[in-house]
Amino acid sequence: MKILGIDPSLTATGYGLIDYQNQKIKLIETGTIEPKKKDLFENRIKKIYTLLDELIEQYKPNVLVLEQLYAHHKHPITASILGHVRGVVCLLCAQKNVKLAEYSVKRIRSAIVGNGNASKVQTRRVVAHILHISEEKLTLDASDALALSIGYAQINSRQI
C-alpha cells in the first residue's frame, strides 16, 4: 500500500510517500514544496496544487494522510491560510479518487515516538531511524509528512 503524508503550509508543504507491505516500510519519495514568498497568494497555492498533482499522478497512492487543522486562538489567520492549502489537498483527493485520512499531530507523534508532545526534532530522529536514512537529509516539514505516513501505517496495520 502506498501512503502519502502531507504536512500543509503556504511556505513549506512537506510530503512523504512510503510503501507499506508485510509490516515493512520503504521510503519512495519525500521533499518540501516551497513557493516563493514574493509570489502572489494564488500562485503559491497553484504551485502546491501542481506539484502534488504530479506526485499523485506519478505514484498513485492508495491513501493520503493529512495533518488535522489546529487553530490557536492567538493566531487565527494561520488557520485560515492553512485552510487554503488543506482545501487544495482535499480537492486533489477527490479529483484523483484517493482516500483521505486525517490525524492530529499528537496522535501521530504518539504512534511514532511514543509521546504526543514530542518535538519536531525528536520526530525527525525517529522517522529517520525507522527509514534507515540520515536525519540531516530530512527537512522538519518532510519528516512531519513522513511521520503522518508511517503513523497511518502503524495505527491501521491490522486493516492494511
N, C-alpha and C. Protein backbone atom coordinates (compact mmCIF):
# COMPACT_ATOMS: atom_id res chain seq x y z
N MET A 1 0.84 -1.17 0.00
CA MET A 1 0.00 0.00 0.00
C MET A 1 0.89 1.24 0.00
N LYS A 2 0.60 2.16 -0.88
CA LYS A 2 1.33 3.43 -0.94
C LYS A 2 0.57 4.46 -0.12
N ILE A 3 1.31 5.10 0.80
CA ILE A 3 0.72 6.07 1.72
C ILE A 3 1.47 7.39 1.58
N LEU A 4 0.74 8.46 1.24
CA LEU A 4 1.31 9.79 1.06
C LEU A 4 0.89 10.67 2.22
N GLY A 5 1.86 11.17 2.98
CA GLY A 5 1.59 12.10 4.07
C GLY A 5 1.86 13.52 3.61
N ILE A 6 1.00 14.44 4.03
CA ILE A 6 1.16 15.85 3.67
C ILE A 6 1.11 16.70 4.93
N ASP A 7 2.15 17.51 5.13
CA ASP A 7 2.20 18.49 6.21
C ASP A 7 1.98 19.85 5.54
N PRO A 8 0.73 20.36 5.54
CA PRO A 8 0.40 21.54 4.75
C PRO A 8 0.92 22.86 5.32
N SER A 9 1.38 23.71 4.43
CA SER A 9 1.80 25.06 4.80
C SER A 9 1.94 25.87 3.52
N LEU A 10 1.72 27.15 3.62
CA LEU A 10 1.87 28.01 2.44
C LEU A 10 3.34 28.28 2.15
N THR A 11 4.20 28.18 3.16
CA THR A 11 5.62 28.46 2.96
C THR A 11 6.43 27.20 2.68
N ALA A 12 6.07 26.08 3.33
CA ALA A 12 6.83 24.83 3.14
C ALA A 12 5.90 23.64 3.39
N THR A 13 5.33 23.11 2.33
CA THR A 13 4.47 21.93 2.44
C THR A 13 5.34 20.69 2.31
N GLY A 14 5.38 19.92 3.39
CA GLY A 14 6.16 18.69 3.37
C GLY A 14 5.33 17.54 2.83
N TYR A 15 5.99 16.62 2.12
CA TYR A 15 5.32 15.41 1.65
C TYR A 15 6.25 14.22 1.87
N GLY A 16 5.63 13.08 2.13
CA GLY A 16 6.39 11.86 2.35
C GLY A 16 5.59 10.67 1.89
N LEU A 17 6.14 9.93 0.94
CA LEU A 17 5.47 8.77 0.35
C LEU A 17 6.21 7.51 0.73
N ILE A 18 5.47 6.56 1.30
CA ILE A 18 6.06 5.28 1.68
C ILE A 18 5.26 4.14 1.04
N ASP A 19 5.90 2.99 0.99
CA ASP A 19 5.21 1.77 0.61
C ASP A 19 5.19 0.89 1.86
N TYR A 20 4.02 0.41 2.22
CA TYR A 20 3.87 -0.41 3.41
C TYR A 20 3.33 -1.78 2.99
N GLN A 21 4.19 -2.80 3.10
CA GLN A 21 3.83 -4.16 2.72
C GLN A 21 4.38 -5.13 3.76
N ASN A 22 3.55 -6.06 4.22
CA ASN A 22 4.00 -7.11 5.14
C ASN A 22 4.76 -6.54 6.34
N GLN A 23 4.20 -5.50 6.95
CA GLN A 23 4.78 -4.88 8.14
C GLN A 23 6.13 -4.20 7.88
N LYS A 24 6.48 -4.00 6.61
CA LYS A 24 7.75 -3.34 6.25
C LYS A 24 7.44 -2.00 5.59
N ILE A 25 8.24 -1.01 5.96
CA ILE A 25 8.08 0.35 5.44
C ILE A 25 9.26 0.69 4.54
N LYS A 26 8.96 1.13 3.33
CA LYS A 26 10.00 1.52 2.38
C LYS A 26 9.73 2.95 1.92
N LEU A 27 10.74 3.79 1.99
CA LEU A 27 10.63 5.17 1.52
C LEU A 27 10.61 5.19 0.00
N ILE A 28 9.61 5.89 -0.56
CA ILE A 28 9.55 6.06 -2.01
C ILE A 28 10.07 7.45 -2.39
N GLU A 29 9.49 8.48 -1.77
CA GLU A 29 9.93 9.84 -2.06
C GLU A 29 9.49 10.78 -0.94
N THR A 30 10.30 11.80 -0.71
CA THR A 30 9.97 12.82 0.28
C THR A 30 10.56 14.15 -0.16
N GLY A 31 10.00 15.21 0.34
CA GLY A 31 10.51 16.53 -0.01
C GLY A 31 9.64 17.64 0.57
N THR A 32 9.95 18.84 0.16
CA THR A 32 9.24 20.03 0.63
C THR A 32 8.96 20.92 -0.56
N ILE A 33 7.72 21.38 -0.66
CA ILE A 33 7.32 22.33 -1.69
C ILE A 33 7.40 23.72 -1.06
N GLU A 34 8.25 24.56 -1.63
CA GLU A 34 8.46 25.89 -1.06
C GLU A 34 8.19 26.98 -2.10
N PRO A 35 6.94 27.43 -2.20
CA PRO A 35 6.66 28.52 -3.14
C PRO A 35 7.42 29.79 -2.74
N LYS A 36 7.70 30.62 -3.70
CA LYS A 36 8.41 31.86 -3.41
C LYS A 36 7.53 32.78 -2.57
N LYS A 37 8.10 33.34 -1.53
CA LYS A 37 7.35 34.20 -0.62
C LYS A 37 6.86 35.47 -1.31
N LYS A 38 7.54 35.87 -2.38
CA LYS A 38 7.16 37.09 -3.10
C LYS A 38 6.03 36.86 -4.09
N ASP A 39 5.75 35.59 -4.41
CA ASP A 39 4.68 35.29 -5.37
C ASP A 39 3.32 35.66 -4.80
N LEU A 40 2.39 35.91 -5.71
CA LEU A 40 1.02 36.17 -5.30
C LEU A 40 0.46 34.93 -4.60
N PHE A 41 -0.45 35.17 -3.67
CA PHE A 41 -1.06 34.09 -2.89
C PHE A 41 -1.59 32.98 -3.80
N GLU A 42 -2.35 33.37 -4.82
CA GLU A 42 -2.96 32.37 -5.70
C GLU A 42 -1.91 31.56 -6.47
N ASN A 43 -0.78 32.15 -6.78
CA ASN A 43 0.28 31.42 -7.48
C ASN A 43 1.01 30.46 -6.54
N ARG A 44 1.10 30.83 -5.28
CA ARG A 44 1.71 29.92 -4.30
C ARG A 44 0.84 28.68 -4.12
N ILE A 45 -0.47 28.89 -4.03
CA ILE A 45 -1.43 27.78 -3.90
C ILE A 45 -1.36 26.91 -5.17
N LYS A 46 -1.28 27.57 -6.32
CA LYS A 46 -1.22 26.83 -7.59
C LYS A 46 0.03 25.95 -7.66
N LYS A 47 1.16 26.45 -7.18
CA LYS A 47 2.39 25.66 -7.20
C LYS A 47 2.24 24.41 -6.35
N ILE A 48 1.67 24.56 -5.17
CA ILE A 48 1.45 23.41 -4.29
C ILE A 48 0.52 22.41 -4.97
N TYR A 49 -0.57 22.91 -5.55
CA TYR A 49 -1.53 22.05 -6.25
C TYR A 49 -0.85 21.30 -7.40
N THR A 50 -0.12 22.01 -8.22
CA THR A 50 0.51 21.42 -9.41
C THR A 50 1.52 20.33 -9.03
N LEU A 51 2.38 20.61 -8.07
CA LEU A 51 3.41 19.63 -7.70
C LEU A 51 2.80 18.41 -7.00
N LEU A 52 1.80 18.62 -6.16
CA LEU A 52 1.15 17.47 -5.52
C LEU A 52 0.35 16.66 -6.54
N ASP A 53 -0.26 17.34 -7.50
CA ASP A 53 -0.98 16.66 -8.58
C ASP A 53 -0.03 15.75 -9.36
N GLU A 54 1.15 16.26 -9.69
CA GLU A 54 2.14 15.47 -10.42
C GLU A 54 2.60 14.27 -9.59
N LEU A 55 2.80 14.49 -8.30
CA LEU A 55 3.23 13.42 -7.40
C LEU A 55 2.17 12.31 -7.32
N ILE A 56 0.92 12.71 -7.16
CA ILE A 56 -0.18 11.74 -7.08
C ILE A 56 -0.34 11.01 -8.40
N GLU A 57 -0.23 11.72 -9.49
CA GLU A 57 -0.37 11.11 -10.82
C GLU A 57 0.75 10.09 -11.07
N GLN A 58 1.96 10.44 -10.65
CA GLN A 58 3.10 9.55 -10.89
C GLN A 58 3.05 8.29 -10.03
N TYR A 59 2.75 8.44 -8.74
CA TYR A 59 2.87 7.31 -7.81
C TYR A 59 1.54 6.64 -7.45
N LYS A 60 0.44 7.30 -7.69
CA LYS A 60 -0.88 6.75 -7.42
C LYS A 60 -1.01 6.15 -6.01
N PRO A 61 -0.91 6.99 -4.98
CA PRO A 61 -1.03 6.47 -3.62
C PRO A 61 -2.44 5.93 -3.34
N ASN A 62 -2.52 4.97 -2.44
CA ASN A 62 -3.81 4.41 -2.05
C ASN A 62 -4.54 5.30 -1.05
N VAL A 63 -3.76 5.99 -0.24
CA VAL A 63 -4.32 6.87 0.78
C VAL A 63 -3.42 8.09 0.96
N LEU A 64 -4.05 9.22 1.26
CA LEU A 64 -3.33 10.44 1.56
C LEU A 64 -3.67 10.81 3.00
N VAL A 65 -2.64 11.03 3.80
CA VAL A 65 -2.82 11.36 5.21
C VAL A 65 -2.48 12.83 5.41
N LEU A 66 -3.44 13.56 5.93
CA LEU A 66 -3.31 15.00 6.09
C LEU A 66 -3.35 15.34 7.57
N GLU A 67 -2.49 16.26 7.96
CA GLU A 67 -2.49 16.72 9.35
C GLU A 67 -3.77 17.51 9.61
N GLN A 68 -4.46 17.17 10.71
CA GLN A 68 -5.67 17.89 11.07
C GLN A 68 -5.34 19.34 11.36
N LEU A 69 -6.31 20.18 11.08
CA LEU A 69 -6.13 21.61 11.31
C LEU A 69 -6.16 21.89 12.80
N TYR A 70 -5.15 22.59 13.24
CA TYR A 70 -5.08 23.03 14.63
C TYR A 70 -5.09 24.55 14.62
N ALA A 71 -6.06 25.13 15.28
CA ALA A 71 -6.16 26.59 15.31
C ALA A 71 -5.94 27.09 16.73
N HIS A 72 -4.96 27.94 16.89
CA HIS A 72 -4.70 28.56 18.19
C HIS A 72 -5.38 29.92 18.21
N HIS A 73 -6.03 30.23 19.31
CA HIS A 73 -6.77 31.49 19.41
C HIS A 73 -5.89 32.72 19.22
N LYS A 74 -4.60 32.59 19.46
CA LYS A 74 -3.69 33.73 19.30
C LYS A 74 -3.28 33.95 17.84
N HIS A 75 -3.53 32.95 16.98
CA HIS A 75 -3.10 33.04 15.59
C HIS A 75 -4.22 32.59 14.64
N PRO A 76 -5.36 33.29 14.62
CA PRO A 76 -6.48 32.84 13.79
C PRO A 76 -6.20 32.91 12.29
N ILE A 77 -5.37 33.81 11.86
CA ILE A 77 -5.06 33.95 10.43
C ILE A 77 -4.32 32.71 9.92
N THR A 78 -3.47 32.14 10.75
CA THR A 78 -2.72 30.94 10.37
C THR A 78 -3.67 29.81 9.99
N ALA A 79 -4.72 29.62 10.75
CA ALA A 79 -5.70 28.56 10.45
C ALA A 79 -6.37 28.82 9.10
N SER A 80 -6.67 30.06 8.82
CA SER A 80 -7.29 30.40 7.54
C SER A 80 -6.36 30.11 6.37
N ILE A 81 -5.10 30.47 6.50
CA ILE A 81 -4.12 30.23 5.44
C ILE A 81 -3.92 28.72 5.25
N LEU A 82 -3.78 27.99 6.35
CA LEU A 82 -3.64 26.53 6.25
C LEU A 82 -4.88 25.91 5.63
N GLY A 83 -6.04 26.50 5.89
CA GLY A 83 -7.28 26.01 5.31
C GLY A 83 -7.25 26.04 3.79
N HIS A 84 -6.61 27.04 3.22
CA HIS A 84 -6.48 27.12 1.76
C HIS A 84 -5.65 25.96 1.21
N VAL A 85 -4.52 25.69 1.86
CA VAL A 85 -3.65 24.61 1.41
C VAL A 85 -4.35 23.27 1.62
N ARG A 86 -5.00 23.09 2.76
CA ARG A 86 -5.74 21.86 3.02
C ARG A 86 -6.84 21.66 1.98
N GLY A 87 -7.50 22.75 1.58
CA GLY A 87 -8.54 22.67 0.57
C GLY A 87 -8.01 22.14 -0.76
N VAL A 88 -6.83 22.59 -1.13
CA VAL A 88 -6.17 22.12 -2.35
C VAL A 88 -5.91 20.62 -2.26
N VAL A 89 -5.43 20.17 -1.11
CA VAL A 89 -5.12 18.75 -0.91
C VAL A 89 -6.41 17.92 -0.96
N CYS A 90 -7.45 18.40 -0.30
CA CYS A 90 -8.73 17.67 -0.32
C CYS A 90 -9.31 17.61 -1.73
N LEU A 91 -9.20 18.69 -2.47
CA LEU A 91 -9.67 18.71 -3.86
C LEU A 91 -8.91 17.68 -4.70
N LEU A 92 -7.59 17.61 -4.52
CA LEU A 92 -6.80 16.62 -5.26
C LEU A 92 -7.25 15.19 -4.93
N CYS A 93 -7.54 14.94 -3.67
CA CYS A 93 -8.01 13.60 -3.28
C CYS A 93 -9.31 13.27 -4.01
N ALA A 94 -10.22 14.22 -4.06
CA ALA A 94 -11.49 13.99 -4.75
C ALA A 94 -11.27 13.79 -6.25
N GLN A 95 -10.44 14.63 -6.86
CA GLN A 95 -10.18 14.53 -8.30
C GLN A 95 -9.48 13.24 -8.68
N LYS A 96 -8.56 12.79 -7.85
CA LYS A 96 -7.75 11.60 -8.17
C LYS A 96 -8.29 10.33 -7.52
N ASN A 97 -9.41 10.46 -6.83
CA ASN A 97 -10.04 9.32 -6.17
C ASN A 97 -9.08 8.61 -5.20
N VAL A 98 -8.45 9.42 -4.35
CA VAL A 98 -7.52 8.91 -3.34
C VAL A 98 -8.20 9.05 -1.99
N LYS A 99 -8.18 7.99 -1.21
CA LYS A 99 -8.77 8.02 0.13
C LYS A 99 -8.04 9.06 0.98
N LEU A 100 -8.80 9.85 1.72
CA LEU A 100 -8.24 10.89 2.60
C LEU A 100 -8.41 10.47 4.05
N ALA A 101 -7.33 10.55 4.81
CA ALA A 101 -7.36 10.28 6.25
C ALA A 101 -6.74 11.49 6.95
N GLU A 102 -7.28 11.85 8.10
CA GLU A 102 -6.77 12.98 8.86
C GLU A 102 -6.45 12.55 10.29
N TYR A 103 -5.31 13.01 10.77
CA TYR A 103 -4.89 12.71 12.14
C TYR A 103 -4.31 13.96 12.78
N SER A 104 -4.46 14.05 14.09
CA SER A 104 -3.85 15.16 14.82
C SER A 104 -2.36 14.90 14.96
N VAL A 105 -1.61 15.95 15.15
CA VAL A 105 -0.17 15.85 15.36
C VAL A 105 0.11 14.98 16.58
N LYS A 106 -0.63 15.19 17.64
CA LYS A 106 -0.41 14.43 18.88
C LYS A 106 -0.64 12.94 18.66
N ARG A 107 -1.66 12.58 17.91
CA ARG A 107 -1.96 11.16 17.66
C ARG A 107 -0.83 10.51 16.88
N ILE A 108 -0.33 11.20 15.87
CA ILE A 108 0.75 10.67 15.04
C ILE A 108 2.04 10.57 15.84
N ARG A 109 2.38 11.62 16.57
CA ARG A 109 3.63 11.59 17.36
C ARG A 109 3.57 10.54 18.45
N SER A 110 2.39 10.32 19.00
CA SER A 110 2.24 9.26 19.99
C SER A 110 2.49 7.89 19.36
N ALA A 111 1.98 7.68 18.14
CA ALA A 111 2.17 6.40 17.44
C ALA A 111 3.63 6.20 17.02
N ILE A 112 4.30 7.27 16.63
CA ILE A 112 5.67 7.17 16.11
C ILE A 112 6.71 7.22 17.23
N VAL A 113 6.62 8.23 18.07
CA VAL A 113 7.64 8.50 19.09
C VAL A 113 7.27 7.89 20.44
N GLY A 114 5.97 7.69 20.66
CA GLY A 114 5.51 7.21 21.95
C GLY A 114 5.17 8.36 22.88
N ASN A 115 5.21 9.59 22.35
CA ASN A 115 4.93 10.78 23.13
C ASN A 115 4.24 11.79 22.21
N GLY A 116 2.96 12.06 22.48
CA GLY A 116 2.21 13.01 21.66
C GLY A 116 2.75 14.42 21.69
N ASN A 117 3.54 14.73 22.71
CA ASN A 117 4.12 16.07 22.84
C ASN A 117 5.58 16.13 22.37
N ALA A 118 6.01 15.12 21.65
CA ALA A 118 7.39 15.11 21.13
C ALA A 118 7.60 16.31 20.21
N SER A 119 8.83 16.79 20.16
CA SER A 119 9.16 17.93 19.31
C SER A 119 9.32 17.48 17.86
N LYS A 120 9.38 18.45 16.96
CA LYS A 120 9.63 18.14 15.55
C LYS A 120 10.99 17.47 15.37
N VAL A 121 11.97 17.90 16.13
CA VAL A 121 13.32 17.33 16.04
C VAL A 121 13.33 15.88 16.53
N GLN A 122 12.64 15.62 17.63
CA GLN A 122 12.55 14.23 18.11
C GLN A 122 11.83 13.34 17.10
N THR A 123 10.77 13.88 16.51
CA THR A 123 10.01 13.13 15.50
C THR A 123 10.90 12.82 14.30
N ARG A 124 11.66 13.81 13.85
CA ARG A 124 12.56 13.60 12.71
C ARG A 124 13.58 12.50 13.01
N ARG A 125 14.11 12.50 14.21
CA ARG A 125 15.10 11.49 14.61
C ARG A 125 14.50 10.08 14.51
N VAL A 126 13.28 9.91 15.01
CA VAL A 126 12.64 8.59 14.99
C VAL A 126 12.27 8.19 13.55
N VAL A 127 11.75 9.12 12.77
CA VAL A 127 11.40 8.84 11.37
C VAL A 127 12.65 8.40 10.60
N ALA A 128 13.75 9.11 10.77
CA ALA A 128 15.00 8.75 10.09
C ALA A 128 15.46 7.36 10.51
N HIS A 129 15.32 7.05 11.79
CA HIS A 129 15.71 5.73 12.29
C HIS A 129 14.84 4.63 11.67
N ILE A 130 13.54 4.84 11.63
CA ILE A 130 12.61 3.85 11.05
C ILE A 130 12.94 3.59 9.58
N LEU A 131 13.28 4.66 8.86
CA LEU A 131 13.53 4.54 7.42
C LEU A 131 15.00 4.27 7.08
N HIS A 132 15.85 4.21 8.09
CA HIS A 132 17.28 3.95 7.90
C HIS A 132 17.93 4.98 6.97
N ILE A 133 17.63 6.25 7.25
CA ILE A 133 18.24 7.35 6.49
C ILE A 133 18.80 8.36 7.49
N SER A 134 19.66 9.24 6.98
CA SER A 134 20.26 10.27 7.82
C SER A 134 19.23 11.36 8.11
N GLU A 135 19.14 11.78 9.38
CA GLU A 135 18.16 12.83 9.69
C GLU A 135 18.49 14.16 9.02
N GLU A 136 19.75 14.38 8.70
CA GLU A 136 20.13 15.62 8.03
C GLU A 136 19.54 15.73 6.63
N LYS A 137 19.13 14.61 6.06
CA LYS A 137 18.54 14.61 4.72
C LYS A 137 17.07 15.03 4.73
N LEU A 138 16.49 15.16 5.93
CA LEU A 138 15.07 15.47 6.05
C LEU A 138 14.85 16.87 6.59
N THR A 139 14.03 17.66 5.89
CA THR A 139 13.58 18.91 6.49
C THR A 139 12.56 18.54 7.57
N LEU A 140 12.30 19.44 8.46
CA LEU A 140 11.31 19.17 9.51
C LEU A 140 9.92 18.95 8.91
N ASP A 141 9.62 19.67 7.83
CA ASP A 141 8.31 19.53 7.18
C ASP A 141 8.20 18.17 6.49
N ALA A 142 9.25 17.73 5.84
CA ALA A 142 9.25 16.42 5.19
C ALA A 142 9.16 15.30 6.22
N SER A 143 9.88 15.45 7.33
CA SER A 143 9.82 14.39 8.35
C SER A 143 8.44 14.35 9.00
N ASP A 144 7.78 15.50 9.18
CA ASP A 144 6.42 15.50 9.71
C ASP A 144 5.46 14.80 8.74
N ALA A 145 5.66 15.01 7.45
CA ALA A 145 4.83 14.34 6.44
C ALA A 145 5.07 12.83 6.45
N LEU A 146 6.33 12.44 6.57
CA LEU A 146 6.64 11.01 6.66
C LEU A 146 6.07 10.41 7.94
N ALA A 147 6.10 11.18 9.02
CA ALA A 147 5.52 10.70 10.28
C ALA A 147 4.03 10.42 10.09
N LEU A 148 3.35 11.26 9.33
CA LEU A 148 1.93 11.02 9.03
C LEU A 148 1.75 9.69 8.29
N SER A 149 2.58 9.45 7.29
CA SER A 149 2.50 8.20 6.51
C SER A 149 2.79 6.99 7.38
N ILE A 150 3.88 7.06 8.12
CA ILE A 150 4.28 5.94 8.98
C ILE A 150 3.26 5.73 10.09
N GLY A 151 2.80 6.82 10.69
CA GLY A 151 1.80 6.74 11.75
C GLY A 151 0.51 6.09 11.25
N TYR A 152 0.08 6.46 10.05
CA TYR A 152 -1.11 5.83 9.47
C TYR A 152 -0.90 4.33 9.34
N ALA A 153 0.25 3.95 8.84
CA ALA A 153 0.55 2.51 8.66
C ALA A 153 0.52 1.80 10.01
N GLN A 154 1.12 2.39 11.02
CA GLN A 154 1.16 1.75 12.33
C GLN A 154 -0.20 1.70 13.00
N ILE A 155 -0.96 2.77 12.92
CA ILE A 155 -2.28 2.84 13.53
C ILE A 155 -3.25 1.85 12.86
N ASN A 156 -3.12 1.69 11.55
CA ASN A 156 -4.05 0.86 10.78
C ASN A 156 -3.45 -0.47 10.34
N SER A 157 -2.35 -0.89 10.94
CA SER A 157 -1.63 -2.07 10.45
C SER A 157 -2.48 -3.34 10.42
N ARG A 158 -3.44 -3.45 11.27
CA ARG A 158 -4.29 -4.66 11.25
C ARG A 158 -5.26 -4.67 10.08
N GLN A 159 -5.58 -3.49 9.56
CA GLN A 159 -6.53 -3.42 8.45
C GLN A 159 -5.85 -3.35 7.09
N ILE A 160 -4.54 -3.12 7.08
CA ILE A 160 -3.82 -2.98 5.82
C ILE A 160 -3.37 -4.35 5.35
